[in-house]
């Protein structure tokens, strides 16, 4: 972690991982609308948090480590149904790691 890592940096990385989950979840054709509705809602919530606190320096190494661990977990998900499950779990954990209410 650098001294200049910001909440916006962490949230940007989290949103990139979230896009990966969304793309994988979209592979379930019958769930396409649900996946996109869920993704849109949580993406808006994550973006709101990033906009409100993005300029803050991410001094909490535990928060950074938690986001990194979440991103790592996304990289392990290969099943589209599991990705759909994580579309609501991932953003809640990311927000809590940053001291935000889900």
Protein backbone atom coordinates (compact mmCIF):
# COMPACT_ATOMS: atom_id res chain seq x y z
CA UNK A 1 0.00 0.00 0.00
CA UNK A 2 1.30 3.46 -0.83
CA UNK A 3 0.77 6.62 1.17
CA UNK A 4 -1.41 7.95 -1.62
CA UNK A 5 -3.87 5.08 -1.88
CA UNK A 6 -7.36 6.54 -1.60
CA UNK A 7 -10.80 5.18 -0.92
CA UNK A 8 -11.52 5.89 -4.60
CA UNK A 9 -8.59 3.65 -5.55
CA UNK A 10 -9.93 0.81 -3.41
CA UNK A 11 -13.46 1.25 -4.69
CA UNK A 12 -12.22 1.39 -8.28
CA UNK A 13 -10.53 -1.98 -7.83
CA UNK A 14 -13.66 -3.33 -6.13
CA UNK A 15 -15.87 -2.10 -8.97
CA UNK A 16 -13.61 -3.76 -11.55
CA UNK A 17 -13.97 -7.06 -9.69
CA UNK A 18 -17.71 -6.48 -9.45
CA UNK A 19 -17.86 -6.09 -13.23
CA UNK A 20 -16.17 -9.49 -13.50
CA UNK A 21 -18.88 -11.03 -11.31
CA UNK A 22 -21.59 -9.38 -13.36
CA UNK A 23 -20.14 -10.64 -16.62
CA UNK A 24 -19.91 -14.17 -15.30
CA UNK A 25 -23.43 -14.05 -13.88
CA UNK A 26 -24.77 -12.88 -17.25
CA UNK A 27 -23.85 -16.31 -18.62
CA UNK A 28 -27.01 -17.62 -16.95
CA UNK A 29 -29.44 -16.60 -19.65
CA UNK A 30 -32.58 -17.01 -17.53
CA UNK A 31 -31.14 -14.67 -14.90
CA UNK A 32 -29.82 -11.93 -17.22
CA UNK A 33 -32.35 -9.27 -16.17
CA UNK A 34 -31.98 -10.09 -12.48
CA UNK A 35 -28.19 -9.98 -12.71
CA UNK A 36 -28.22 -6.60 -14.41
CA UNK A 37 -30.82 -5.08 -12.08
CA UNK A 38 -28.91 -6.28 -9.02
CA UNK A 39 -25.58 -5.17 -10.44
CA UNK A 40 -26.92 -1.73 -11.30
CA UNK A 41 -28.33 -1.17 -7.81
CA UNK A 42 -25.18 -2.25 -5.98
CA UNK A 43 -22.88 -0.46 -8.43
CA UNK A 44 -24.79 2.76 -7.69
CA UNK A 45 -24.34 2.20 -3.93
CA UNK A 46 -20.61 1.51 -4.30
CA UNK A 47 -20.20 4.55 -6.56
CA UNK A 48 -22.04 6.74 -4.05
CA UNK A 49 -19.62 5.68 -1.32
CA UNK A 50 -16.65 6.28 -3.61
CA UNK A 51 -17.95 9.72 -4.57
CA UNK A 52 -18.55 10.70 -0.95
CA UNK A 53 -15.25 9.47 0.47
CA UNK A 54 -13.07 8.87 -2.55
CA UNK A 55 -10.66 11.68 -1.76
CA UNK A 56 -9.83 10.20 1.67
CA UNK A 57 -6.52 8.44 2.07
CA UNK A 58 -6.96 4.74 2.70
CA UNK A 59 -4.90 4.56 5.86
CA UNK A 60 -6.62 1.47 7.24
CA UNK A 61 -4.52 -1.44 6.05
CA UNK A 62 -7.21 -3.87 7.24
CA UNK A 63 -9.71 -2.27 4.83
CA UNK A 64 -7.25 -2.50 1.98
CA UNK A 65 -6.46 -6.12 2.84
CA UNK A 66 -10.18 -6.95 3.01
CA UNK A 67 -10.81 -5.44 -0.42
CA UNK A 68 -7.79 -7.30 -1.81
CA UNK A 69 -9.13 -10.56 -0.34
CA UNK A 70 -12.56 -9.96 -1.85
CA UNK A 71 -11.01 -9.31 -5.24
CA UNK A 72 -8.93 -12.48 -4.88
CA UNK A 73 -12.08 -14.47 -4.09
CA UNK A 74 -13.78 -13.13 -7.22
CA UNK A 75 -10.84 -14.44 -9.23
CA UNK A 76 -11.58 -17.93 -7.90
CA UNK A 77 -15.23 -17.93 -8.95
CA UNK A 78 -15.84 -19.84 -12.17
CA UNK A 79 -19.46 -20.92 -11.72
CA UNK A 80 -21.95 -18.33 -13.03
CA UNK A 81 -24.52 -19.30 -10.37
CA UNK A 82 -21.97 -18.68 -7.62
CA UNK A 83 -21.16 -15.33 -9.25
CA UNK A 84 -24.84 -14.41 -9.01
CA UNK A 85 -24.82 -15.30 -5.30
CA UNK A 86 -21.82 -13.03 -4.83
CA UNK A 87 -23.44 -10.07 -6.63
CA UNK A 88 -25.18 -9.10 -3.39
CA UNK A 89 -22.55 -10.40 -0.97
CA UNK A 90 -19.46 -8.73 -2.46
CA UNK A 91 -20.63 -5.10 -2.28
CA UNK A 92 -21.93 -5.48 1.27
CA UNK A 93 -18.61 -6.84 2.50
CA UNK A 94 -16.68 -4.17 0.57
CA UNK A 95 -18.78 -1.41 2.12
CA UNK A 96 -18.40 -2.81 5.63
CA UNK A 97 -14.62 -3.08 5.12
CA UNK A 98 -14.59 0.64 4.38
CA UNK A 99 -16.70 1.50 7.40
CA UNK A 100 -19.85 2.14 5.37
CA UNK A 101 -23.36 0.86 5.92
CA UNK A 102 -24.46 -1.55 3.19
